N, C-alpha and C. Protein backbone atom coordinates (compact mmCIF):
# COMPACT_ATOMS: atom_id res chain seq x y z
N UNK A 1 5.46 -17.09 -9.15
CA UNK A 1 5.36 -18.38 -9.78
C UNK A 1 5.90 -18.43 -11.35
N UNK A 2 6.66 -19.31 -11.25
CA UNK A 2 7.38 -19.55 -12.74
C UNK A 2 6.51 -20.12 -13.59
N UNK A 3 6.18 -19.35 -14.74
CA UNK A 3 5.25 -20.04 -15.77
C UNK A 3 5.81 -20.35 -16.97
N UNK A 4 5.41 -21.24 -17.84
CA UNK A 4 6.33 -21.57 -19.30
C UNK A 4 5.55 -20.39 -20.11
N UNK A 5 6.17 -19.80 -21.28
CA UNK A 5 5.72 -19.05 -22.10
C UNK A 5 4.55 -19.32 -22.78
N UNK A 6 3.97 -20.56 -22.95
CA UNK A 6 2.50 -21.13 -23.49
C UNK A 6 1.88 -20.89 -22.42
N UNK A 7 1.78 -20.88 -21.25
CA UNK A 7 1.01 -20.95 -19.80
C UNK A 7 0.78 -19.44 -19.66
N UNK A 8 1.69 -18.53 -20.19
CA UNK A 8 1.43 -17.28 -20.02
C UNK A 8 0.68 -16.47 -20.98
N UNK A 9 0.90 -17.24 -22.35
CA UNK A 9 0.10 -16.69 -23.66
C UNK A 9 -1.40 -17.34 -23.27
N UNK A 10 -1.63 -18.42 -22.61
CA UNK A 10 -2.99 -18.88 -22.31
C UNK A 10 -3.77 -17.84 -21.33
N UNK A 11 -2.83 -17.45 -20.26
CA UNK A 11 -3.21 -16.42 -19.21
C UNK A 11 -3.66 -15.30 -20.02
N UNK A 12 -3.12 -14.95 -20.96
CA UNK A 12 -3.63 -13.52 -21.51
C UNK A 12 -4.79 -13.89 -22.38
N UNK A 13 -4.74 -14.75 -23.07
CA UNK A 13 -6.12 -15.19 -23.76
C UNK A 13 -7.28 -15.07 -22.52
N UNK A 14 -7.11 -15.64 -21.65
CA UNK A 14 -8.16 -15.65 -20.82
C UNK A 14 -8.51 -14.57 -20.20
N UNK A 15 -7.64 -13.61 -19.77
CA UNK A 15 -8.01 -12.40 -19.37
C UNK A 15 -8.71 -11.46 -20.42
N UNK A 16 -8.82 -11.59 -21.68
CA UNK A 16 -9.28 -10.94 -22.59
C UNK A 16 -10.77 -11.71 -22.69
N UNK A 17 -10.77 -13.04 -22.63
CA UNK A 17 -11.92 -13.95 -22.91
C UNK A 17 -11.89 -14.95 -22.07
N UNK A 18 -12.39 -15.15 -20.99
CA UNK A 18 -12.21 -16.80 -20.07
C UNK A 18 -13.50 -17.41 -20.67
N UNK A 19 -14.32 -17.15 -21.52
CA UNK A 19 -15.23 -18.04 -22.00
C UNK A 19 -14.80 -18.75 -23.21
N UNK A 20 -13.79 -18.58 -23.70
CA UNK A 20 -13.21 -19.33 -24.95
C UNK A 20 -13.17 -20.50 -24.64
N UNK A 21 -13.51 -21.56 -25.69
CA UNK A 21 -13.47 -22.85 -25.26
C UNK A 21 -12.15 -23.49 -25.54
N UNK A 22 -11.71 -24.77 -25.22
CA UNK A 22 -10.30 -25.25 -25.25
C UNK A 22 -9.68 -25.17 -26.78
N UNK A 23 -10.84 -25.53 -27.54
CA UNK A 23 -10.58 -25.92 -28.87
C UNK A 23 -10.37 -24.40 -29.52
N UNK A 24 -10.93 -23.59 -29.00
CA UNK A 24 -10.53 -22.33 -29.79
C UNK A 24 -9.23 -21.79 -29.21
N UNK A 25 -8.91 -21.89 -27.93
CA UNK A 25 -7.84 -21.57 -27.23
C UNK A 25 -6.62 -22.33 -27.93
N UNK A 26 -7.00 -23.83 -28.12
CA UNK A 26 -5.95 -24.34 -28.86
C UNK A 26 -5.58 -23.88 -30.26
N UNK A 27 -6.52 -23.71 -31.00
CA UNK A 27 -6.02 -22.99 -32.36
C UNK A 27 -5.58 -21.69 -32.38
N UNK A 28 -5.75 -20.95 -31.16
CA UNK A 28 -5.02 -19.50 -31.16
C UNK A 28 -3.49 -19.70 -30.86
N UNK A 29 -3.36 -20.79 -29.95
CA UNK A 29 -1.93 -21.13 -29.35
C UNK A 29 -1.25 -22.31 -30.24
N UNK A 30 -1.90 -22.85 -31.25
CA UNK A 30 -1.52 -23.89 -31.92
C UNK A 30 -1.11 -25.00 -31.09
N UNK A 31 -2.13 -25.32 -30.48
CA UNK A 31 -1.89 -26.33 -29.15
C UNK A 31 -3.13 -27.49 -29.16
N UNK A 32 -3.06 -28.95 -28.86
CA UNK A 32 -4.21 -29.56 -28.96
C UNK A 32 -5.06 -29.30 -27.92
N UNK A 33 -6.69 -29.61 -28.00
CA UNK A 33 -7.39 -29.24 -27.01
C UNK A 33 -6.95 -29.69 -25.72
N UNK A 34 -6.55 -31.02 -25.80
CA UNK A 34 -6.06 -32.03 -24.47
C UNK A 34 -4.94 -31.25 -23.78
N UNK A 35 -4.08 -30.74 -24.62
CA UNK A 35 -2.86 -29.76 -24.08
C UNK A 35 -3.54 -28.81 -23.15
N UNK A 36 -4.50 -27.97 -23.89
CA UNK A 36 -4.96 -26.50 -23.19
C UNK A 36 -5.63 -27.21 -21.91
N UNK A 37 -6.45 -28.58 -22.01
CA UNK A 37 -7.01 -28.94 -20.55
C UNK A 37 -6.26 -29.10 -19.58
N UNK A 38 -4.88 -29.93 -19.94
CA UNK A 38 -3.70 -30.01 -19.14
C UNK A 38 -3.03 -28.92 -18.64
N UNK A 39 -2.89 -27.80 -19.40
CA UNK A 39 -2.45 -26.51 -18.89
C UNK A 39 -3.29 -25.95 -18.09
N UNK A 40 -4.83 -25.75 -18.61
CA UNK A 40 -5.61 -25.14 -17.54
C UNK A 40 -5.62 -25.84 -16.29
N UNK A 41 -5.50 -26.97 -16.01
CA UNK A 41 -5.70 -27.56 -14.72
C UNK A 41 -4.28 -27.39 -13.97
N UNK A 42 -3.15 -27.12 -14.56
CA UNK A 42 -1.96 -26.78 -13.89
C UNK A 42 -2.17 -25.20 -13.53
N UNK A 43 -2.73 -24.49 -14.44
CA UNK A 43 -2.87 -23.19 -13.82
C UNK A 43 -3.80 -22.79 -12.79
N UNK A 44 -4.80 -23.52 -12.58
CA UNK A 44 -6.02 -23.38 -11.64
C UNK A 44 -5.15 -24.08 -10.25
N UNK A 45 -4.35 -24.89 -10.44
CA UNK A 45 -3.41 -25.35 -9.41
C UNK A 45 -2.54 -24.00 -8.63
N UNK A 46 -2.04 -23.55 -9.74
CA UNK A 46 -0.96 -22.53 -9.58
C UNK A 46 -1.25 -21.01 -9.46
N UNK A 47 -2.07 -20.65 -10.25
CA UNK A 47 -2.45 -19.32 -10.21
C UNK A 47 -3.59 -18.68 -10.48
N UNK A 48 -4.54 -19.51 -11.09
CA UNK A 48 -6.05 -19.35 -11.26
C UNK A 48 -6.85 -19.60 -10.12
N UNK A 49 -7.39 -18.34 -9.65
CA UNK A 49 -8.08 -18.20 -8.41
C UNK A 49 -9.59 -18.79 -8.70
N UNK A 50 -10.00 -18.09 -9.61
CA UNK A 50 -11.67 -18.31 -10.04
C UNK A 50 -11.88 -17.73 -11.44
N UNK A 51 -12.98 -18.17 -12.10
CA UNK A 51 -13.27 -17.46 -12.99
C UNK A 51 -14.78 -16.67 -12.72
N UNK A 52 -14.89 -15.64 -13.33
CA UNK A 52 -16.30 -14.88 -12.85
C UNK A 52 -16.97 -14.25 -13.88
N UNK A 53 -17.98 -13.57 -13.37
CA UNK A 53 -18.80 -13.10 -14.54
C UNK A 53 -18.47 -11.48 -14.62
N UNK A 54 -18.57 -10.84 -15.62
CA UNK A 54 -18.48 -9.47 -15.89
C UNK A 54 -19.49 -8.65 -16.79
N UNK A 55 -20.25 -8.11 -15.99
CA UNK A 55 -21.75 -7.62 -16.51
C UNK A 55 -21.52 -6.51 -17.68
N UNK A 56 -22.28 -6.67 -18.53
CA UNK A 56 -22.29 -5.50 -19.75
C UNK A 56 -22.67 -4.07 -19.04
N UNK A 57 -22.07 -3.38 -19.72
CA UNK A 57 -22.23 -1.95 -19.19
C UNK A 57 -23.58 -1.48 -19.19
N UNK A 58 -24.57 -1.82 -20.34
CA UNK A 58 -25.83 -1.71 -20.29
C UNK A 58 -26.72 -2.17 -19.15
N UNK A 59 -26.05 -3.24 -18.57
CA UNK A 59 -27.04 -3.74 -17.26
C UNK A 59 -26.67 -3.27 -16.16
N UNK A 60 -25.77 -2.23 -16.17
CA UNK A 60 -25.18 -1.49 -15.17
C UNK A 60 -25.77 0.26 -15.36
N UNK A 61 -26.81 0.44 -15.72
CA UNK A 61 -27.13 1.73 -16.13
C UNK A 61 -26.90 2.68 -14.98
N UNK A 62 -27.24 2.23 -13.59
CA UNK A 62 -27.22 3.12 -12.73
C UNK A 62 -25.93 3.03 -11.88
N UNK A 63 -25.11 2.30 -12.39
CA UNK A 63 -23.89 2.21 -11.80
C UNK A 63 -22.96 3.31 -11.55
N UNK A 64 -22.68 3.50 -10.18
CA UNK A 64 -21.69 4.46 -10.06
C UNK A 64 -20.63 3.93 -9.28
N UNK A 65 -19.24 4.45 -9.83
CA UNK A 65 -18.03 3.75 -9.25
C UNK A 65 -17.41 4.94 -8.91
N UNK A 66 -16.29 4.95 -7.97
CA UNK A 66 -15.32 5.71 -7.17
C UNK A 66 -14.16 4.74 -7.02
N UNK A 67 -12.83 5.35 -7.20
CA UNK A 67 -11.58 5.25 -6.63
C UNK A 67 -11.63 6.14 -5.38
N UNK A 68 -11.22 5.78 -4.29
CA UNK A 68 -11.05 6.27 -3.17
C UNK A 68 -9.58 6.13 -2.39
N UNK A 69 -9.14 7.13 -2.13
CA UNK A 69 -7.47 7.08 -1.49
C UNK A 69 -7.89 7.31 -0.23
N UNK A 70 -7.08 6.32 0.74
CA UNK A 70 -7.35 6.53 2.06
C UNK A 70 -5.99 6.78 2.62
N UNK A 71 -5.85 7.58 3.63
CA UNK A 71 -4.63 8.05 4.67
C UNK A 71 -5.32 7.45 6.23
N UNK A 72 -4.64 6.73 6.58
CA UNK A 72 -4.57 5.79 7.95
C UNK A 72 -3.68 6.14 8.84
N UNK A 73 -4.23 5.62 10.10
CA UNK A 73 -3.54 5.73 11.27
C UNK A 73 -2.70 3.88 11.28
N UNK A 74 -1.62 4.04 11.18
CA UNK A 74 -1.02 2.59 10.69
C UNK A 74 -1.70 1.73 12.05
N UNK A 75 -1.95 2.14 13.15
CA UNK A 75 -1.95 1.27 14.41
C UNK A 75 -3.65 0.66 14.25
N UNK A 76 -4.35 1.29 13.42
CA UNK A 76 -5.58 0.74 12.89
C UNK A 76 -6.15 0.01 11.76
N UNK A 77 -4.84 -0.18 11.03
CA UNK A 77 -4.68 -0.83 9.87
C UNK A 77 -5.86 -2.24 9.62
N UNK A 78 -5.25 -3.21 10.78
CA UNK A 78 -6.37 -4.33 10.30
C UNK A 78 -7.92 -3.94 10.54
N UNK A 79 -8.07 -3.07 11.53
CA UNK A 79 -9.62 -2.84 11.70
C UNK A 79 -10.05 -1.92 10.77
N UNK A 80 -9.37 -1.04 10.03
CA UNK A 80 -9.89 -0.54 8.92
C UNK A 80 -10.00 -1.40 7.70
N UNK A 81 -9.12 -2.52 7.53
CA UNK A 81 -9.34 -3.44 6.31
C UNK A 81 -10.47 -4.11 6.65
N UNK A 82 -10.65 -4.86 7.92
CA UNK A 82 -11.91 -5.49 7.93
C UNK A 82 -13.24 -4.63 7.78
N UNK A 83 -13.17 -4.00 8.32
CA UNK A 83 -14.33 -2.64 8.13
C UNK A 83 -14.49 -2.51 6.47
N UNK A 84 -13.34 -2.40 5.79
CA UNK A 84 -13.82 -2.28 4.36
C UNK A 84 -14.34 -3.51 3.41
N UNK A 85 -13.57 -4.64 4.30
CA UNK A 85 -13.95 -5.56 3.50
C UNK A 85 -15.34 -6.39 3.81
N UNK A 86 -15.93 -5.95 4.79
CA UNK A 86 -17.06 -5.82 5.41
C UNK A 86 -18.54 -5.27 4.65
N UNK A 87 -17.95 -4.18 3.83
CA UNK A 87 -18.81 -3.38 3.23
C UNK A 87 -18.74 -4.02 1.69
N UNK A 88 -20.06 -4.62 1.37
CA UNK A 88 -20.38 -4.91 0.05
C UNK A 88 -19.98 -4.13 -0.91
N UNK A 89 -19.92 -2.67 -0.98
CA UNK A 89 -19.95 -1.72 -2.12
C UNK A 89 -18.37 -1.46 -2.27
N UNK A 90 -17.46 -2.39 -1.53
CA UNK A 90 -16.17 -1.95 -1.69
C UNK A 90 -15.67 -3.27 -2.53
N UNK A 91 -15.29 -3.08 -3.90
CA UNK A 91 -14.82 -4.11 -4.56
C UNK A 91 -13.64 -4.34 -4.71
N UNK A 92 -12.57 -3.60 -4.12
CA UNK A 92 -11.21 -3.98 -4.12
C UNK A 92 -10.65 -3.07 -3.05
N UNK A 93 -9.33 -3.79 -2.48
CA UNK A 93 -8.81 -2.82 -1.34
C UNK A 93 -7.41 -3.05 -1.98
N UNK A 94 -6.69 -1.91 -2.02
CA UNK A 94 -5.06 -2.19 -2.51
C UNK A 94 -4.58 -1.47 -1.49
N UNK A 95 -3.24 -1.70 -0.97
CA UNK A 95 -2.17 -0.80 -0.37
C UNK A 95 -1.44 -0.45 -1.53
N UNK A 96 -0.85 0.81 -1.28
CA UNK A 96 -0.19 1.57 -2.23
C UNK A 96 0.98 2.19 -1.91
N UNK A 97 2.20 2.75 -2.38
CA UNK A 97 3.19 3.48 -1.83
C UNK A 97 2.95 4.69 -2.10
N UNK A 98 3.39 5.70 -1.28
CA UNK A 98 3.43 7.17 -1.81
C UNK A 98 2.95 7.71 -0.40
N UNK A 99 2.10 9.16 -0.65
CA UNK A 99 1.64 9.98 0.55
C UNK A 99 0.28 9.07 0.99
N UNK A 100 -0.26 8.22 0.19
CA UNK A 100 -1.59 7.51 0.69
C UNK A 100 -1.09 6.07 1.27
N UNK A 101 -2.09 5.37 1.87
CA UNK A 101 -1.87 4.03 2.26
C UNK A 101 -2.90 3.17 1.62
N UNK A 102 -4.01 3.29 1.49
CA UNK A 102 -5.06 2.61 0.65
C UNK A 102 -5.59 3.07 -0.45
N UNK A 103 -5.97 2.05 -1.53
CA UNK A 103 -6.75 2.75 -2.64
C UNK A 103 -7.79 1.79 -2.77
N UNK A 104 -9.10 2.14 -2.96
CA UNK A 104 -10.15 1.16 -2.80
C UNK A 104 -11.12 1.60 -4.24
N UNK A 105 -11.73 0.70 -4.85
CA UNK A 105 -12.85 0.88 -5.81
C UNK A 105 -14.23 0.52 -5.09
N UNK A 106 -14.77 1.42 -5.17
CA UNK A 106 -16.22 1.22 -4.58
C UNK A 106 -17.23 1.45 -5.72
N UNK A 107 -18.42 0.65 -5.40
CA UNK A 107 -19.64 0.53 -6.72
C UNK A 107 -20.90 0.47 -6.02
N UNK A 108 -21.85 1.28 -6.35
CA UNK A 108 -22.94 1.50 -5.72
C UNK A 108 -24.23 1.59 -7.04
N UNK A 109 -25.27 1.58 -6.56
CA UNK A 109 -26.26 1.61 -7.47
C UNK A 109 -26.53 3.13 -8.20
N UNK A 110 -26.15 3.97 -7.25
CA UNK A 110 -26.38 5.48 -7.67
C UNK A 110 -25.67 6.41 -6.92
N UNK A 111 -25.65 7.80 -7.30
CA UNK A 111 -24.70 8.69 -6.38
C UNK A 111 -25.07 9.08 -5.20
N UNK A 112 -26.49 8.85 -4.85
CA UNK A 112 -26.86 8.93 -3.35
C UNK A 112 -26.52 8.13 -2.55
N UNK A 113 -26.23 6.77 -2.97
CA UNK A 113 -26.02 5.54 -2.10
C UNK A 113 -23.97 6.01 -1.82
N UNK A 114 -23.41 6.25 -3.07
CA UNK A 114 -22.18 6.39 -3.13
C UNK A 114 -21.94 7.54 -2.04
N UNK A 115 -22.55 8.88 -1.82
CA UNK A 115 -22.26 9.77 -0.85
C UNK A 115 -22.26 8.81 0.38
N UNK A 116 -23.49 8.11 0.62
CA UNK A 116 -23.70 7.46 2.13
C UNK A 116 -22.59 6.55 2.28
N UNK A 117 -21.88 5.83 1.44
CA UNK A 117 -20.78 4.73 1.67
C UNK A 117 -19.53 5.77 1.98
N UNK A 118 -19.41 6.73 0.84
CA UNK A 118 -18.27 7.41 1.10
C UNK A 118 -17.86 8.14 2.47
N UNK A 119 -19.10 8.71 2.96
CA UNK A 119 -19.12 9.25 4.40
C UNK A 119 -18.93 8.27 5.39
N UNK A 120 -19.37 6.97 5.39
CA UNK A 120 -19.10 5.84 6.24
C UNK A 120 -17.89 5.39 6.19
N UNK A 121 -17.34 5.67 5.25
CA UNK A 121 -15.45 5.37 4.92
C UNK A 121 -14.93 6.41 5.61
N UNK A 122 -15.07 7.62 5.52
CA UNK A 122 -14.46 8.68 5.98
C UNK A 122 -14.58 8.56 7.65
N UNK A 123 -15.78 8.19 8.15
CA UNK A 123 -15.93 8.41 9.50
C UNK A 123 -15.37 6.92 10.17
N UNK A 124 -14.88 5.92 9.43
CA UNK A 124 -14.27 4.71 10.05
C UNK A 124 -13.22 5.22 11.03
N UNK A 125 -12.93 4.71 12.24
CA UNK A 125 -11.95 4.79 13.12
C UNK A 125 -10.58 4.70 12.79
N UNK A 126 -9.76 5.45 12.55
CA UNK A 126 -8.42 5.19 12.42
C UNK A 126 -7.98 5.90 10.78
N UNK A 127 -9.22 6.34 10.06
CA UNK A 127 -9.28 6.88 8.74
C UNK A 127 -8.84 8.35 8.87
N UNK A 128 -7.92 8.71 8.49
CA UNK A 128 -7.45 10.25 8.88
C UNK A 128 -7.66 11.06 7.55
N UNK A 129 -7.95 10.82 6.34
CA UNK A 129 -8.31 11.53 5.25
C UNK A 129 -8.45 10.40 3.87
N UNK A 130 -9.54 10.98 3.14
CA UNK A 130 -9.85 10.28 2.05
C UNK A 130 -10.27 11.38 0.93
N UNK A 131 -10.16 10.83 -0.36
CA UNK A 131 -10.15 11.46 -1.30
C UNK A 131 -10.93 10.71 -2.24
N UNK A 132 -11.70 11.29 -3.23
CA UNK A 132 -12.82 10.25 -3.96
C UNK A 132 -12.34 10.86 -5.62
N UNK A 133 -12.28 9.97 -6.49
CA UNK A 133 -12.36 10.17 -7.90
C UNK A 133 -13.31 9.26 -8.46
N UNK A 134 -14.42 10.04 -8.82
CA UNK A 134 -15.69 9.73 -9.41
C UNK A 134 -15.43 8.74 -10.66
N UNK A 135 -15.52 7.95 -11.19
CA UNK A 135 -15.27 7.40 -12.48
C UNK A 135 -16.79 7.78 -13.29
N UNK A 136 -16.16 8.31 -14.46
CA UNK A 136 -17.07 8.76 -15.55
C UNK A 136 -17.52 7.84 -16.62
N UNK A 137 -16.44 7.18 -17.10
CA UNK A 137 -16.50 6.13 -17.82
C UNK A 137 -15.36 5.20 -18.14
N UNK A 138 -15.38 4.00 -18.23
CA UNK A 138 -14.77 3.14 -18.48
C UNK A 138 -14.28 2.62 -19.94
N UNK A 139 -12.78 3.22 -20.23
CA UNK A 139 -12.30 2.77 -21.56
C UNK A 139 -12.06 1.05 -21.75
N UNK A 140 -11.61 0.36 -20.98
CA UNK A 140 -11.59 -0.81 -20.92
C UNK A 140 -11.18 -1.42 -19.27
N UNK A 141 -11.54 -2.68 -19.03
CA UNK A 141 -11.42 -3.16 -17.57
C UNK A 141 -11.00 -4.72 -17.90
N UNK A 142 -9.82 -5.18 -17.51
CA UNK A 142 -9.62 -6.69 -17.43
C UNK A 142 -9.86 -7.35 -15.93
N UNK A 143 -10.24 -6.39 -15.13
CA UNK A 143 -10.44 -6.95 -13.71
C UNK A 143 -11.97 -7.61 -13.81
N UNK A 144 -12.13 -8.48 -13.20
CA UNK A 144 -13.40 -9.09 -13.01
C UNK A 144 -14.15 -8.31 -12.13
């Protein structure tokens, strides 16, 4: 998508804090509030899919998160993708280059649930191998 320099700067500010008012965004970009509203409308048509809620870490005291790499049978790709999509605990699925095929982010309430989910993923038809990487702490996260 071909974006103007000011649109890119606006997106950068929204990635940091999407709750900033149009007036505040305008002050930071030296643009009128009406211009910000117009730019937001264009961005929502072009590139912004949604605005979302990011919970404070204190609200997620028992939160267990894990990156999981998956090697799969290529013939079972669509089936595995659908199964992972249907698991509420899987927040993100990405295909990656290299010796693995998928990387997913799994979020559960506790480690016991994480163990169950990881077992279910490993047992999916077409999954050849998984490797889990438990997240100990997050330094920052701009992904909603």
